Amino acid sequence: MRVFSFKAALTEKKLKDILDEITDIQKGNEVLRNQFIDKYSNYIVSMASRVKGNYVQIENDEEYSVALNAFNRAIDLYNPDRGASFFTFAGLLIKRDIIDLYKKNSSLKEIPISHLNNEVNDRSEYDPRNAEDTIRCQEDQFNLQQEINIYKTLLKEYAIDFNTLASVSPKHAEVRRKMIMLAKMLSEEMDLKASIIKKKTLPLKEMESRLDYSRKTLERHRKYILANFILINSDLDYLKEYIKDVLQGGENC
């Protein structure tokens, strides 16, 4: 299968220019909207092709029209305060809408097999009475894998490698719980949240002066706190299930 990629030099100035364009479009500049979509048409094709697992043709493939509509919707809905770049957000909508397309067609075979884990390969054990449960389970696995891929992209924006999360996670459950709640608190403090989203790192000096944690503790668990901050401020509902009980339990930081 061919490899598709979309690369852009997203310097700080470039990011600001993109945000300015999106702001103008959200205010009603339809001419700029068409120019913006045309400028990033390669990105739309690239994202749709990744989900399909094969090249998407603009003229012939339904995935492209779905991706185009999702990209257009991303322009209208994008909010930089959520912490993700525009292209990460647009990619999320494109992936979800194409997945919904496959589900709507009620044919799991149309979902690229490379995206599915733990498929039912042994036909001798196949039970048609459990077909709906099997499909539901596979859809959940597929959606979870898609969210993991999106989460990896979000983490990269903060210079965090998904594969290293296990090694940087606190060994003790109580410490993990406290760091998750600290990430939640950072999401609720608007000035700290804005600083993290802008600089892609923890404002350790401000945190040390306002929280009952030492600089050493914050630095030791920096990546783990950031990873949970990113997750809390995302739309990755499947992954959020892993920290739901901690968030609902609450704790004073």
Protein backbone atom coordinates (compact mmCIF):
# COMPACT_ATOMS: atom_id res chain seq x y z
CA MET A 1 0.00 0.00 0.00
CA ARG A 2 1.27 3.46 -0.80
CA VAL A 3 2.23 5.76 2.02
CA PHE A 4 0.43 9.07 2.28
CA SER A 5 1.63 12.02 4.28
CA PHE A 6 0.81 15.65 4.79
CA LYS A 7 3.68 17.83 5.96
CA ALA A 8 3.59 21.53 6.75
CA ALA A 9 6.09 23.76 8.43
CA LEU A 10 3.83 24.81 11.26
CA THR A 11 5.97 27.56 12.69
CA GLU A 12 4.51 29.88 15.27
CA LYS A 13 3.84 32.45 12.54
CA LYS A 14 2.24 29.81 10.33
CA LEU A 15 -0.02 28.70 13.17
CA LYS A 16 -1.03 32.30 13.82
CA ASP A 17 -1.79 32.86 10.14
CA ILE A 18 -3.94 29.72 10.03
CA LEU A 19 -5.82 30.78 13.16
CA ASP A 20 -6.38 34.27 11.71
CA GLU A 21 -7.77 32.75 8.52
CA ILE A 22 -10.10 30.44 10.43
CA THR A 23 -11.31 33.34 12.58
CA ASP A 24 -12.14 35.38 9.47
CA ILE A 25 -13.97 32.43 7.93
CA GLN A 26 -15.97 31.89 11.11
CA LYS A 27 -17.01 35.55 10.83
CA GLY A 28 -18.47 34.89 7.39
CA ASN A 29 -15.68 35.23 4.83
CA GLU A 30 -16.83 32.55 2.36
CA VAL A 31 -14.30 33.51 -0.31
CA LEU A 32 -11.49 32.82 2.14
CA ARG A 33 -13.18 29.55 3.14
CA ASN A 34 -13.01 28.27 -0.44
CA GLN A 35 -9.39 29.37 -0.74
CA PHE A 36 -8.50 27.72 2.57
CA ILE A 37 -10.13 24.42 1.59
CA ASP A 38 -8.42 24.47 -1.79
CA LYS A 39 -5.05 25.20 -0.19
CA TYR A 40 -5.30 22.16 2.07
CA SER A 41 -7.01 19.75 -0.33
CA ASN A 42 -3.94 17.48 -0.22
CA TYR A 43 -4.35 17.20 3.54
CA ILE A 44 -8.00 16.18 3.15
CA VAL A 45 -7.07 13.49 0.60
CA SER A 46 -4.22 12.30 2.81
CA MET A 47 -6.38 11.89 5.92
CA ALA A 48 -9.18 10.16 4.02
CA SER A 49 -6.67 7.81 2.40
CA ARG A 50 -5.17 6.87 5.76
CA VAL A 51 -8.53 5.86 7.14
CA LYS A 52 -9.54 3.97 4.00
CA GLY A 53 -6.18 2.24 3.78
CA ASN A 54 -5.90 3.06 0.08
CA TYR A 55 -5.71 6.12 -2.12
CA VAL A 56 -8.90 8.19 -2.16
CA GLN A 57 -9.87 9.69 -5.50
CA ILE A 58 -11.51 13.10 -5.35
CA GLU A 59 -13.88 12.39 -8.23
CA ASN A 60 -14.95 8.84 -7.46
CA ASP A 61 -14.66 7.98 -3.76
CA GLU A 62 -17.37 8.77 -1.23
CA GLU A 63 -14.70 9.01 1.46
CA TYR A 64 -13.45 12.25 -0.08
CA SER A 65 -16.81 14.02 0.05
CA VAL A 66 -17.23 12.87 3.66
CA ALA A 67 -13.73 14.11 4.50
CA LEU A 68 -14.37 17.42 2.75
CA ASN A 69 -17.56 18.00 4.72
CA ALA A 70 -15.75 17.09 7.95
CA PHE A 71 -12.92 19.52 7.15
CA ASN A 72 -15.46 22.25 6.42
CA ARG A 73 -17.19 21.54 9.72
CA ALA A 74 -13.85 21.63 11.51
CA ILE A 75 -13.34 25.18 10.27
CA ASP A 76 -16.65 26.22 11.83
CA LEU A 77 -16.14 24.39 15.13
CA TYR A 78 -12.43 24.84 15.78
CA ASN A 79 -11.54 26.42 19.12
CA PRO A 80 -7.82 26.82 19.90
CA ASP A 81 -8.58 26.78 23.61
CA ARG A 82 -9.21 23.04 23.40
CA GLY A 83 -5.44 22.49 23.14
CA ALA A 84 -5.12 20.74 19.78
CA SER A 85 -3.89 22.24 16.52
CA PHE A 86 -6.45 22.81 13.79
CA PHE A 87 -5.15 19.94 11.68
CA THR A 88 -5.29 17.52 14.59
CA PHE A 89 -8.90 18.56 15.22
CA ALA A 90 -9.81 18.35 11.54
CA GLY A 91 -8.17 14.93 11.31
CA LEU A 92 -10.25 13.74 14.25
CA LEU A 93 -13.50 14.78 12.55
CA ILE A 94 -12.46 13.27 9.22
CA LYS A 95 -11.60 9.93 10.81
CA ARG A 96 -14.80 9.77 12.81
CA ASP A 97 -17.03 10.71 9.89
CA ILE A 98 -15.49 8.11 7.59
CA ILE A 99 -15.83 5.49 10.32
CA ASP A 100 -19.49 6.51 10.67
CA LEU A 101 -19.84 6.10 6.90
CA TYR A 102 -18.64 2.51 7.13
CA LYS A 103 -20.97 1.83 10.06
CA LYS A 104 -23.91 3.36 8.20
CA ASN A 105 -23.25 1.02 5.29
CA SER A 106 -23.55 -1.83 7.83
CA SER A 107 -20.61 -3.69 6.36
CA LEU A 108 -17.66 -4.22 8.60
CA LYS A 109 -15.87 -5.65 5.57
CA GLU A 110 -15.58 -2.12 4.21
CA ILE A 111 -13.43 -1.12 7.16
CA PRO A 112 -9.77 -1.78 6.29
CA ILE A 113 -8.88 -5.06 7.92
CA SER A 114 -5.54 -3.64 8.99
CA HIS A 115 -7.41 -1.43 11.48
CA LEU A 116 -9.13 -4.29 13.29
CA ASN A 117 -7.65 -6.20 16.20
CA ASN A 118 -8.63 -9.65 17.38
CA GLU A 119 -10.85 -10.46 14.42
CA VAL A 120 -12.94 -13.63 14.41
CA ASN A 121 -10.66 -15.68 12.14
CA ASP A 122 -11.73 -19.16 13.19
CA ARG A 123 -14.94 -19.71 11.22
CA SER A 124 -15.57 -23.00 13.00
CA GLU A 125 -16.27 -21.05 16.20
CA TYR A 126 -18.48 -18.47 14.51
CA ASP A 127 -21.96 -18.33 16.01
CA PRO A 128 -24.52 -16.24 14.08
CA ARG A 129 -26.45 -15.70 17.31
CA ASN A 130 -23.50 -13.64 18.53
CA ALA A 131 -23.03 -11.71 15.28
CA GLU A 132 -24.23 -8.39 16.70
CA ASP A 133 -22.00 -8.72 19.75
CA THR A 134 -19.06 -9.58 17.52
CA ILE A 135 -19.62 -6.58 15.27
CA ARG A 136 -20.10 -4.29 18.27
CA CYS A 137 -16.90 -5.58 19.84
CA GLN A 138 -14.95 -5.09 16.62
CA GLU A 139 -16.35 -1.59 16.21
CA ASP A 140 -15.29 -0.74 19.75
CA GLN A 141 -11.82 -2.10 19.08
CA PHE A 142 -11.61 -0.12 15.86
CA ASN A 143 -12.79 3.10 17.51
CA LEU A 144 -10.33 2.61 20.37
CA GLN A 145 -7.46 2.09 17.94
CA GLN A 146 -8.46 5.23 16.05
CA GLU A 147 -8.48 7.21 19.29
CA ILE A 148 -5.05 5.85 20.19
CA ASN A 149 -3.74 7.06 16.84
CA ILE A 150 -5.25 10.49 17.41
CA TYR A 151 -3.89 10.57 20.97
CA LYS A 152 -0.40 9.78 19.65
CA THR A 153 -0.66 12.81 17.37
CA LEU A 154 -1.81 15.04 20.22
CA LEU A 155 1.04 13.83 22.43
CA LYS A 156 3.60 14.61 19.73
CA GLU A 157 2.52 18.25 19.80
CA TYR A 158 3.75 18.24 23.41
CA ALA A 159 6.93 16.27 22.60
CA ILE A 160 5.64 13.12 24.31
CA ASP A 161 6.06 9.64 22.81
CA PHE A 162 2.99 7.46 23.39
CA ASN A 163 5.18 4.36 23.74
CA THR A 164 7.00 5.85 26.73
CA LEU A 165 3.88 6.60 28.79
CA ALA A 166 4.05 3.31 30.68
CA SER A 167 7.62 4.00 31.76
CA VAL A 168 6.84 7.52 33.00
CA SER A 169 3.64 6.57 34.86
CA PRO A 170 3.97 6.66 38.67
CA LYS A 171 4.35 3.20 40.16
CA HIS A 172 1.93 3.79 43.02
CA ALA A 173 -1.80 4.04 42.30
CA GLU A 174 -2.28 6.86 44.79
CA VAL A 175 0.37 8.99 43.09
CA ARG A 176 -1.19 8.31 39.69
CA ARG A 177 -4.56 9.38 41.06
CA LYS A 178 -3.14 12.62 42.44
CA MET A 179 -1.38 13.46 39.17
CA ILE A 180 -4.58 12.83 37.17
CA MET A 181 -6.52 15.11 39.50
CA LEU A 182 -3.75 17.69 39.16
CA ALA A 183 -4.16 17.51 35.38
CA LYS A 184 -7.90 18.04 35.85
CA MET A 185 -7.28 21.06 38.04
CA LEU A 186 -4.94 22.53 35.41
CA SER A 187 -7.75 22.13 32.88
CA GLU A 188 -10.07 24.16 35.09
CA GLU A 189 -7.65 27.01 35.84
CA MET A 190 -8.02 29.15 32.74
CA ASP A 191 -4.68 30.96 32.97
CA LEU A 192 -2.69 27.78 33.56
CA LYS A 193 -4.62 25.95 30.86
CA ALA A 194 -3.97 28.72 28.34
CA SER A 195 -0.26 28.71 29.19
CA ILE A 196 0.02 24.94 28.69
CA ILE A 197 -1.84 25.02 25.38
CA LYS A 198 0.28 27.87 24.06
CA LYS A 199 3.71 26.68 25.23
CA LYS A 200 3.03 22.91 25.10
CA THR A 201 4.65 22.42 28.48
CA LEU A 202 3.84 22.77 32.17
CA PRO A 203 4.22 26.21 33.78
CA LEU A 204 6.27 24.72 36.62
CA LYS A 205 7.12 28.03 38.30
CA GLU A 206 3.48 29.11 38.53
CA MET A 207 2.37 25.66 39.62
CA GLU A 208 4.99 25.44 42.35
CA SER A 209 3.90 28.76 43.82
CA ARG A 210 0.19 27.88 43.77
CA LEU A 211 0.13 24.18 44.54
CA ASP A 212 1.29 22.02 47.40
CA TYR A 213 3.79 20.14 45.26
CA SER A 214 7.56 20.50 45.09
CA ARG A 215 9.32 21.43 41.87
CA LYS A 216 11.04 18.04 41.96
CA THR A 217 7.72 16.17 42.10
CA LEU A 218 6.24 18.20 39.26
CA GLU A 219 9.30 17.68 37.08
CA ARG A 220 9.40 13.95 37.82
CA HIS A 221 5.79 13.48 36.72
CA ARG A 222 5.73 16.20 34.05
CA LYS A 223 4.99 13.91 31.09
CA TYR A 224 2.35 11.95 32.97
CA ILE A 225 0.56 15.14 34.05
CA LEU A 226 0.70 16.54 30.53
CA ALA A 227 -0.54 13.30 28.99
CA ASN A 228 -3.60 13.34 31.23
CA PHE A 229 -4.13 17.07 30.67
CA ILE A 230 -4.21 16.40 26.93
CA LEU A 231 -6.63 13.49 27.36
CA ILE A 232 -8.98 15.42 29.65
CA ASN A 233 -9.19 18.26 27.13
CA SER A 234 -9.80 15.96 24.17
CA ASP A 235 -12.88 14.27 22.71
CA LEU A 236 -11.36 10.80 23.07
CA ASP A 237 -14.22 9.20 24.98
CA TYR A 238 -12.97 5.62 24.74
CA LEU A 239 -9.60 6.51 26.25
CA LYS A 240 -11.20 8.70 28.90
CA GLU A 241 -12.87 5.59 30.29
CA TYR A 242 -9.49 4.61 31.72
CA ILE A 243 -9.43 7.65 34.03
CA LYS A 244 -13.18 8.18 34.47
CA ASP A 245 -13.35 6.65 37.95
CA VAL A 246 -10.52 8.86 39.20
CA LEU A 247 -12.08 12.02 37.74
CA GLN A 248 -15.48 11.21 39.20
CA GLY A 249 -14.00 10.33 42.57
CA GLY A 250 -12.41 13.73 42.94
CA GLU A 251 -9.72 14.98 45.21
CA ASN A 252 -8.42 18.24 46.59
CA CYS A 253 -5.09 19.14 45.06
